Amino acid sequence: MAWKKSSIVEQRFGLVRQMTVGKVSVVELCQRFGVSRQTAYKWSKRYQRGGLGALADKSRRPWYRASQTAVKWLRRVRRLRCQHPTWGARKLRHKLVVRWAREREAPSTASISRWLRRWGFARGRRRQRRGPKIFCRALHHPRACHEVWTVDFKGWYRTANGQRVEPLTVRDLYSRYVLGAPLLTTSTTEATRKEFIRIFKKHGVPCRIRCDNGRPFGGAGPRGLTRLSAWWVKLGIQVEFITPGRPCENGAHEQFHRVYKAEVARQAEENPRKQQARSQRWLRSYNHERPHEGLGMKTPAAVYRKNRRRMKAVRPWKYPRHWERRWVRGNGEISHRGVLRFVGEALERDYVGLKRIGESVSEVYFGPLLVGELHEKESGRIRMAREDRRR
């Protein structure tokens, strides 16, 4: 025999009926039904006024909303959106303000965006599936020269004739020796790469390079790599990105920029050529004459030692024989089992290795770096790896 189920209205009616009979106290009835005395008397009054139908749940919607938008604005937004299907909330609001400027203030951008989502006009961002989590060590503390180089762009300024220059600064963190500070006209990847080729040929290749997450060093690619930092990885250099929003992790380099700005950039020469010559004279004084408190009042040149690691030719990555190799095209895609998968434009024109770890799952490696996971049942891009730095 099945148990008889009672609705919420029947339970409330049972409480009200026993309260009317008066054989049991209201306090005991409230304990039985699990309600307060205020609620019990509320249901009793409702039943006396409206009968059994008054015991049902009522709408909690307010009778009047002071900030409710007029229906005419909803119709205008919807009509304007249908006329311009690709317009967003900002463009729609601007058009409303221009067209109906004499009337009451138009709805806000946030309200229009909320209406578009409710009507199904706005496309929500596709949630990316999480890839493997990689635990990274804290930033390396150097104990010798060329273990860590710090690089950054100081920030552009203009010479006396109005030409814009962007100084690229490269320092050895252990000795504080400035390896170069060329004045570039642009901070593109190609221009920056040419200067690093010149610096690598002169001073060798470091073990690590520490930089921020901005262009051209870091980006939104796998493991934060760009074409420039991926090229560093091919040269056998470990790339250390500081935590976003924490320039103090590269504080020694920021302090050097402050000195450079006060003594070189503040009163610039007539043109970039003369400013570069002045910068080179100042760097010789900084490296060989200026004592540094962090070095026990020694000069950077007294601590600096030559680098034995020389720059070698870049060759495609090699992987174990049981791994699959896939060539990364210019658009950052690989072909796997007849399906194109996006792995990142920073890895273009080289091989990635696929290490099988499951029935339809493979880890994607760019040389020694794990950059993500490839799931054969999913289309589109791979699941990018996420870094978690342990301090």
Protein backbone atom coordinates (compact mmCIF):
# COMPACT_ATOMS: atom_id res chain seq x y z
CA MET A 1 0.00 0.00 0.00
CA ALA A 2 1.49 3.36 -1.06
CA TRP A 3 1.89 6.16 1.45
CA LYS A 4 -0.58 9.00 1.05
CA LYS A 5 1.11 12.29 0.28
CA SER A 6 -0.44 15.55 1.36
CA SER A 7 0.11 18.87 -0.32
CA ILE A 8 1.35 22.00 1.41
CA VAL A 9 -2.18 23.45 1.30
CA GLU A 10 -3.63 20.37 3.04
CA GLN A 11 -1.00 20.58 5.77
CA ARG A 12 -1.80 24.22 6.40
CA PHE A 13 -5.51 23.45 6.44
CA GLY A 14 -4.90 20.69 9.04
CA LEU A 15 -3.09 23.18 11.26
CA VAL A 16 -5.83 25.79 10.93
CA ARG A 17 -8.59 23.21 11.65
CA GLN A 18 -6.89 22.01 14.84
CA MET A 19 -6.37 25.61 15.92
CA THR A 20 -10.12 26.20 15.44
CA VAL A 21 -11.05 23.11 17.51
CA GLY A 22 -8.82 24.28 20.37
CA LYS A 23 -8.05 20.89 21.93
CA VAL A 24 -4.28 21.36 21.49
CA SER A 25 -2.36 24.54 22.32
CA VAL A 26 -0.97 26.64 19.49
CA VAL A 27 2.59 26.22 20.79
CA GLU A 28 2.36 22.42 20.57
CA LEU A 29 0.78 22.58 17.11
CA CYS A 30 3.60 24.83 15.88
CA GLN A 31 6.13 22.31 17.17
CA ARG A 32 4.36 19.49 15.35
CA PHE A 33 4.15 21.33 12.02
CA GLY A 34 7.57 23.01 12.32
CA VAL A 35 6.39 26.62 11.99
CA SER A 36 6.38 29.70 14.19
CA ARG A 37 3.31 31.06 15.98
CA GLN A 38 3.36 34.14 13.74
CA THR A 39 3.10 31.92 10.66
CA ALA A 40 0.32 29.84 12.20
CA TYR A 41 -1.82 32.91 12.97
CA LYS A 42 -1.11 34.27 9.46
CA TRP A 43 -2.54 31.12 7.85
CA SER A 44 -5.53 31.20 10.22
CA LYS A 45 -6.37 34.79 9.18
CA ARG A 46 -5.99 33.94 5.50
CA TYR A 47 -8.34 30.99 5.82
CA GLN A 48 -10.97 33.10 7.57
CA ARG A 49 -10.83 35.71 4.79
CA GLY A 50 -10.50 33.59 1.66
CA GLY A 51 -11.15 29.98 2.52
CA LEU A 52 -9.04 27.03 1.40
CA GLY A 53 -7.65 28.81 -1.71
CA ALA A 54 -6.07 31.52 0.43
CA LEU A 55 -3.66 28.97 1.95
CA ALA A 56 -1.72 28.60 -1.32
CA ASP A 57 1.59 30.42 -1.81
CA LYS A 58 1.24 33.95 -3.12
CA SER A 59 3.52 35.79 -5.52
CA ARG A 60 6.28 37.77 -3.85
CA ARG A 61 6.63 40.16 -6.74
CA PRO A 62 6.34 43.78 -5.55
CA TRP A 63 3.26 45.71 -6.58
CA TYR A 64 5.31 48.65 -7.78
CA ARG A 65 8.94 48.95 -8.91
CA ALA A 66 10.27 52.49 -8.90
CA SER A 67 13.22 51.69 -11.19
CA GLN A 68 11.30 49.60 -13.72
CA THR A 69 12.01 50.60 -17.30
CA ALA A 70 9.14 51.73 -19.46
CA VAL A 71 7.88 49.25 -22.05
CA LYS A 72 8.59 51.72 -24.85
CA TRP A 73 12.33 51.52 -24.21
CA LEU A 74 12.22 47.73 -24.38
CA ARG A 75 10.44 47.91 -27.72
CA ARG A 76 12.91 50.48 -29.04
CA VAL A 77 15.93 48.41 -28.03
CA ARG A 78 14.47 45.25 -29.54
CA ARG A 79 13.51 47.02 -32.80
CA LEU A 80 16.93 48.67 -33.09
CA ARG A 81 18.69 45.36 -32.41
CA CYS A 82 16.71 43.64 -35.15
CA GLN A 83 17.78 46.38 -37.57
CA HIS A 84 21.46 46.01 -36.55
CA PRO A 85 22.04 42.36 -35.48
CA THR A 86 25.79 42.83 -34.86
CA TRP A 87 25.53 45.88 -32.60
CA GLY A 88 26.27 45.57 -28.91
CA ALA A 89 24.79 47.32 -25.89
CA ARG A 90 27.06 50.37 -26.11
CA LYS A 91 26.23 51.14 -29.74
CA LEU A 92 22.53 50.59 -29.14
CA ARG A 93 22.46 52.95 -26.16
CA HIS A 94 24.34 55.63 -28.11
CA LYS A 95 21.77 55.39 -30.91
CA LEU A 96 18.92 55.65 -28.40
CA VAL A 97 20.42 58.76 -26.80
CA VAL A 98 20.90 60.45 -30.18
CA ARG A 99 17.45 59.61 -31.52
CA TRP A 100 15.38 60.30 -28.38
CA ALA A 101 17.50 62.96 -26.70
CA ARG A 102 14.49 65.06 -25.67
CA GLU A 103 12.84 62.30 -23.66
CA ARG A 104 13.78 60.80 -20.36
CA GLU A 105 17.28 59.41 -19.94
CA ALA A 106 17.87 56.20 -21.91
CA PRO A 107 18.47 52.89 -20.08
CA SER A 108 22.02 52.08 -19.06
CA THR A 109 24.42 49.89 -21.01
CA ALA A 110 24.24 47.18 -18.33
CA SER A 111 20.42 47.05 -18.59
CA ILE A 112 20.50 46.78 -22.38
CA SER A 113 23.13 44.04 -22.17
CA ARG A 114 20.95 42.14 -19.67
CA TRP A 115 17.93 42.40 -21.98
CA LEU A 116 19.92 41.14 -24.96
CA ARG A 117 21.01 38.08 -22.99
CA ARG A 118 17.43 37.47 -21.84
CA TRP A 119 16.12 37.67 -25.41
CA GLY A 120 18.86 35.38 -26.71
CA PHE A 121 20.51 38.05 -28.87
CA ALA A 122 23.83 38.16 -27.03
CA ARG A 123 26.36 35.40 -27.45
CA GLY A 124 27.94 34.33 -24.21
CA ARG A 125 31.60 33.52 -24.00
CA ARG A 126 32.33 29.88 -24.46
CA ARG A 127 33.76 28.45 -21.30
CA GLN A 128 37.15 26.92 -21.91
CA ARG A 129 37.77 23.50 -20.48
CA ARG A 130 40.55 23.38 -17.95
CA GLY A 131 43.77 21.69 -18.92
CA PRO A 132 46.45 20.08 -16.73
CA LYS A 133 47.65 22.00 -13.69
CA ILE A 134 51.40 22.55 -13.50
CA PHE A 135 53.10 23.45 -10.24
CA CYS A 136 56.01 25.81 -10.90
CA ARG A 137 58.79 26.66 -8.52
CA ALA A 138 59.35 30.13 -7.15
CA LEU A 139 61.52 32.57 -9.07
CA HIS A 140 65.13 31.43 -9.20
CA HIS A 141 67.66 33.21 -7.01
CA PRO A 142 70.95 33.39 -8.99
CA ARG A 143 74.25 32.38 -7.45
CA ALA A 144 76.45 33.12 -10.45
CA CYS A 145 76.49 35.27 -13.56
CA HIS A 146 74.22 34.42 -16.48
CA GLU A 147 71.91 32.23 -14.41
CA VAL A 148 69.14 34.83 -14.73
CA TRP A 149 68.82 37.75 -17.12
CA THR A 150 66.09 40.33 -16.59
CA VAL A 151 64.60 42.06 -19.65
CA ASP A 152 61.99 44.74 -20.11
CA PHE A 153 61.04 47.80 -22.11
CA LYS A 154 61.63 50.95 -20.10
CA GLY A 155 58.75 52.81 -21.69
CA TRP A 156 58.86 55.07 -24.70
CA TYR A 157 59.87 58.70 -24.69
CA ARG A 158 60.76 61.30 -27.32
CA THR A 159 64.01 62.94 -28.27
CA ALA A 160 64.34 66.70 -28.66
CA ASN A 161 63.17 66.59 -32.29
CA GLY A 162 60.02 64.67 -31.34
CA GLN A 163 61.04 61.18 -32.52
CA ARG A 164 59.78 58.30 -30.41
CA VAL A 165 62.21 55.73 -29.00
CA GLU A 166 61.61 52.59 -26.92
CA PRO A 167 64.65 51.43 -24.90
CA LEU A 168 65.03 47.67 -24.51
CA THR A 169 67.04 46.95 -21.36
CA VAL A 170 68.80 43.65 -20.63
CA ARG A 171 70.69 43.00 -17.36
CA ASP A 172 72.43 40.16 -15.60
CA LEU A 173 70.61 39.81 -12.28
CA TYR A 174 73.55 38.47 -10.26
CA SER A 175 76.13 41.11 -11.24
CA ARG A 176 73.70 43.94 -12.17
CA TYR A 177 75.74 44.31 -15.36
CA VAL A 178 73.79 45.95 -18.19
CA LEU A 179 74.20 43.86 -21.32
CA GLY A 180 72.41 46.26 -23.63
CA ALA A 181 69.99 49.15 -23.84
CA PRO A 182 69.28 49.76 -27.55
CA LEU A 183 66.78 52.43 -28.55
CA LEU A 184 64.19 50.83 -30.82
CA THR A 185 61.62 52.60 -32.91
CA THR A 186 59.05 49.86 -32.22
CA SER A 187 58.57 47.00 -29.75
CA THR A 188 57.45 44.40 -32.28
CA THR A 189 58.60 40.80 -32.09
CA GLU A 190 60.88 40.99 -35.12
CA ALA A 191 62.64 44.17 -34.02
CA THR A 192 63.14 42.83 -30.49
CA ARG A 193 64.39 39.48 -31.80
CA LYS A 194 67.08 41.15 -33.94
CA GLU A 195 68.46 42.94 -30.88
CA PHE A 196 68.49 39.73 -28.85
CA ILE A 197 70.42 37.97 -31.62
CA ARG A 198 73.06 40.68 -31.40
CA ILE A 199 73.18 40.47 -27.58
CA PHE A 200 73.34 36.64 -27.61
CA LYS A 201 76.22 36.65 -30.08
CA LYS A 202 78.15 39.12 -27.94
CA HIS A 203 77.37 37.89 -24.41
CA GLY A 204 76.23 34.30 -24.94
CA VAL A 205 72.96 32.66 -23.89
CA PRO A 206 71.70 32.71 -20.27
CA CYS A 207 70.12 29.85 -18.35
CA ARG A 208 66.94 31.82 -17.61
CA ILE A 209 65.27 35.03 -18.72
CA ARG A 210 62.87 36.80 -16.38
CA CYS A 211 60.29 39.15 -17.89
CA ASP A 212 56.78 40.46 -17.41
CA ASN A 213 53.63 39.18 -19.10
CA GLY A 214 53.31 41.99 -21.64
CA ARG A 215 54.11 41.99 -25.32
CA PRO A 216 56.36 40.95 -26.93
CA PHE A 217 57.60 38.71 -24.09
CA GLY A 218 54.34 37.22 -22.78
CA GLY A 219 50.86 36.73 -24.11
CA ALA A 220 47.73 34.59 -24.07
CA GLY A 221 49.40 31.60 -25.76
CA PRO A 222 50.20 28.23 -24.17
CA ARG A 223 52.20 28.70 -20.95
CA GLY A 224 52.08 32.44 -21.68
CA LEU A 225 54.51 32.12 -24.58
CA THR A 226 54.77 34.37 -27.62
CA ARG A 227 56.84 33.88 -30.76
CA LEU A 228 59.75 35.62 -29.05
CA SER A 229 59.68 33.66 -25.78
CA ALA A 230 59.05 30.40 -27.68
CA TRP A 231 62.24 31.14 -29.62
CA TRP A 232 64.05 31.51 -26.29
CA VAL A 233 62.82 28.06 -25.29
CA LYS A 234 64.22 26.63 -28.55
CA LEU A 235 67.61 28.13 -27.64
CA GLY A 236 67.57 26.19 -24.36
CA ILE A 237 66.55 29.14 -22.16
CA GLN A 238 64.03 28.80 -19.36
CA VAL A 239 61.48 31.61 -19.36
CA GLU A 240 60.35 33.00 -15.98
CA PHE A 241 57.25 35.17 -16.03
CA ILE A 242 56.57 37.32 -13.00
CA THR A 243 53.11 37.24 -11.46
CA PRO A 244 50.73 39.61 -13.29
CA GLY A 245 50.34 42.86 -11.40
CA ARG A 246 53.45 42.30 -9.26
CA PRO A 247 56.36 44.29 -10.75
CA CYS A 248 58.12 43.99 -7.40
CA GLU A 249 59.18 40.47 -8.43
CA ASN A 250 61.45 42.20 -10.94
CA GLY A 251 62.25 45.06 -8.59
CA ALA A 252 65.97 45.29 -9.36
CA HIS A 253 65.19 45.96 -13.00
CA GLU A 254 62.55 48.56 -12.11
CA GLN A 255 65.09 50.35 -9.92
CA PHE A 256 67.49 50.43 -12.87
CA HIS A 257 64.76 52.01 -15.00
CA ARG A 258 64.28 54.73 -12.40
CA VAL A 259 67.99 55.60 -12.52
CA TYR A 260 68.00 55.48 -16.32
CA LYS A 261 65.04 57.85 -16.50
CA ALA A 262 66.62 60.36 -14.10
CA GLU A 263 70.07 60.43 -15.71
CA VAL A 264 69.44 59.67 -19.41
CA ALA A 265 65.82 59.88 -20.56
CA ARG A 266 64.75 63.04 -18.78
CA GLN A 267 66.90 65.38 -20.89
CA ALA A 268 67.07 63.67 -24.27
CA GLU A 269 69.42 64.60 -27.11
CA GLU A 270 68.44 66.07 -30.45
CA ASN A 271 67.82 62.79 -32.33
CA PRO A 272 67.84 59.03 -31.62
CA ARG A 273 71.42 58.58 -32.93
CA LYS A 274 72.86 61.10 -30.49
CA GLN A 275 70.64 59.78 -27.71
CA GLN A 276 71.95 56.25 -28.33
CA ALA A 277 75.54 57.50 -28.12
CA ARG A 278 74.77 59.25 -24.87
CA SER A 279 73.10 56.10 -23.53
CA GLN A 280 76.19 54.02 -24.38
CA ARG A 281 78.48 56.45 -22.52
CA TRP A 282 76.20 56.30 -19.51
CA LEU A 283 76.14 52.46 -19.57
CA ARG A 284 79.94 52.30 -19.51
CA SER A 285 79.90 54.54 -16.45
CA TYR A 286 77.12 52.47 -14.86
CA ASN A 287 78.96 49.17 -15.38
CA HIS A 288 82.55 50.23 -14.61
CA GLU A 289 82.42 53.29 -12.32
CA ARG A 290 79.14 53.40 -10.41
CA PRO A 291 79.28 51.39 -7.13
CA HIS A 292 76.25 49.28 -6.29
CA GLU A 293 74.99 48.86 -2.74
CA GLY A 294 73.61 45.39 -3.48
CA LEU A 295 77.13 44.27 -4.44
CA GLY A 296 78.84 45.63 -1.34
CA MET A 297 79.74 48.91 -3.13
CA LYS A 298 81.46 47.02 -5.95
CA THR A 299 80.91 47.91 -9.57
CA PRO A 300 78.95 45.50 -11.79
CA ALA A 301 82.03 44.98 -14.00
CA ALA A 302 84.02 43.74 -10.99
CA VAL A 303 81.50 40.94 -10.38
CA TYR A 304 80.62 40.17 -14.01
CA ARG A 305 82.17 37.10 -15.66
CA LYS A 306 82.11 36.02 -19.31
CA ASN A 307 79.53 33.51 -20.44
CA ARG A 308 80.58 30.12 -21.79
CA ARG A 309 77.21 29.23 -23.25
CA ARG A 310 77.18 30.30 -26.85
CA MET A 311 74.23 30.73 -29.16
CA LYS A 312 73.48 27.65 -31.29
CA ALA A 313 71.39 27.12 -34.38
CA VAL A 314 67.70 26.44 -33.76
CA ARG A 315 66.56 22.98 -34.88
CA PRO A 316 63.14 21.28 -34.77
CA TRP A 317 62.28 19.45 -31.57
CA LYS A 318 62.92 15.73 -31.27
CA TYR A 319 60.66 13.48 -29.21
CA PRO A 320 60.71 9.82 -28.08
CA ARG A 321 59.88 7.26 -30.75
CA HIS A 322 56.59 6.16 -29.19
CA TRP A 323 55.29 9.75 -29.26
CA GLU A 324 53.41 11.25 -32.18
CA ARG A 325 54.88 14.32 -33.85
CA ARG A 326 52.70 16.99 -35.40
CA TRP A 327 53.81 20.05 -37.36
CA VAL A 328 52.35 23.37 -36.19
CA ARG A 329 51.14 25.47 -39.08
CA GLY A 330 51.43 29.22 -39.41
CA ASN A 331 47.97 29.72 -37.91
CA GLY A 332 48.84 27.68 -34.81
CA GLU A 333 46.93 24.51 -35.79
CA ILE A 334 47.97 20.87 -36.06
CA SER A 335 46.27 18.05 -37.92
CA HIS A 336 45.44 15.04 -35.76
CA ARG A 337 43.47 12.15 -37.22
CA GLY A 338 42.03 14.37 -39.92
CA VAL A 339 40.86 17.06 -37.46
CA LEU A 340 42.50 20.48 -37.05
CA ARG A 341 43.39 21.39 -33.48
CA PHE A 342 44.56 24.80 -32.30
CA VAL A 343 47.65 24.69 -30.07
CA GLY A 344 48.89 28.30 -30.28
CA GLU A 345 50.43 30.64 -32.81
CA ALA A 346 53.55 30.99 -30.64
CA LEU A 347 54.49 27.37 -31.47
CA GLU A 348 54.24 27.80 -35.24
CA ARG A 349 56.68 26.21 -37.70
CA ASP A 350 57.90 23.53 -35.32
CA TYR A 351 56.90 20.11 -34.06
CA VAL A 352 54.87 19.33 -30.95
CA GLY A 353 54.92 15.92 -29.31
CA LEU A 354 51.80 13.96 -28.37
CA LYS A 355 52.22 11.59 -25.43
CA ARG A 356 49.36 9.13 -25.02
CA ILE A 357 48.11 9.01 -21.41
CA GLY A 358 44.64 7.53 -21.92
CA GLU A 359 42.29 5.90 -24.36
CA SER A 360 41.53 9.15 -26.17
CA VAL A 361 43.70 11.68 -24.28
CA SER A 362 47.22 12.84 -25.12
CA GLU A 363 49.54 15.33 -23.49
CA VAL A 364 50.90 18.00 -25.83
CA TYR A 365 54.56 18.97 -25.39
CA PHE A 366 56.55 21.80 -26.94
CA GLY A 367 60.05 20.50 -26.40
CA PRO A 368 60.36 19.99 -22.60
CA LEU A 369 57.24 22.05 -21.81
CA LEU A 370 53.81 20.54 -21.25
CA VAL A 371 51.45 22.97 -22.98
CA GLY A 372 48.12 21.15 -22.75
CA GLU A 373 45.99 18.07 -23.33
CA LEU A 374 44.36 16.87 -26.53
CA HIS A 375 41.01 15.11 -26.13
CA GLU A 376 39.97 13.31 -29.28
CA LYS A 377 36.26 13.48 -28.42
CA GLU A 378 36.43 17.29 -28.28
CA SER A 379 36.76 19.55 -31.29
CA GLY A 380 38.56 22.84 -31.59
CA ARG A 381 41.50 23.84 -29.44
CA ILE A 382 43.37 21.75 -26.93
CA ARG A 383 42.97 22.21 -23.19
CA MET A 384 45.71 24.67 -22.29
CA ALA A 385 47.89 23.93 -19.27
CA ARG A 386 47.56 26.17 -16.18
CA GLU A 387 50.48 27.24 -14.04
CA ASP A 388 50.37 27.44 -10.26
CA ARG A 389 53.51 28.93 -8.76
CA ARG A 390 54.55 27.64 -5.37
CA ARG A 391 56.15 30.30 -3.19
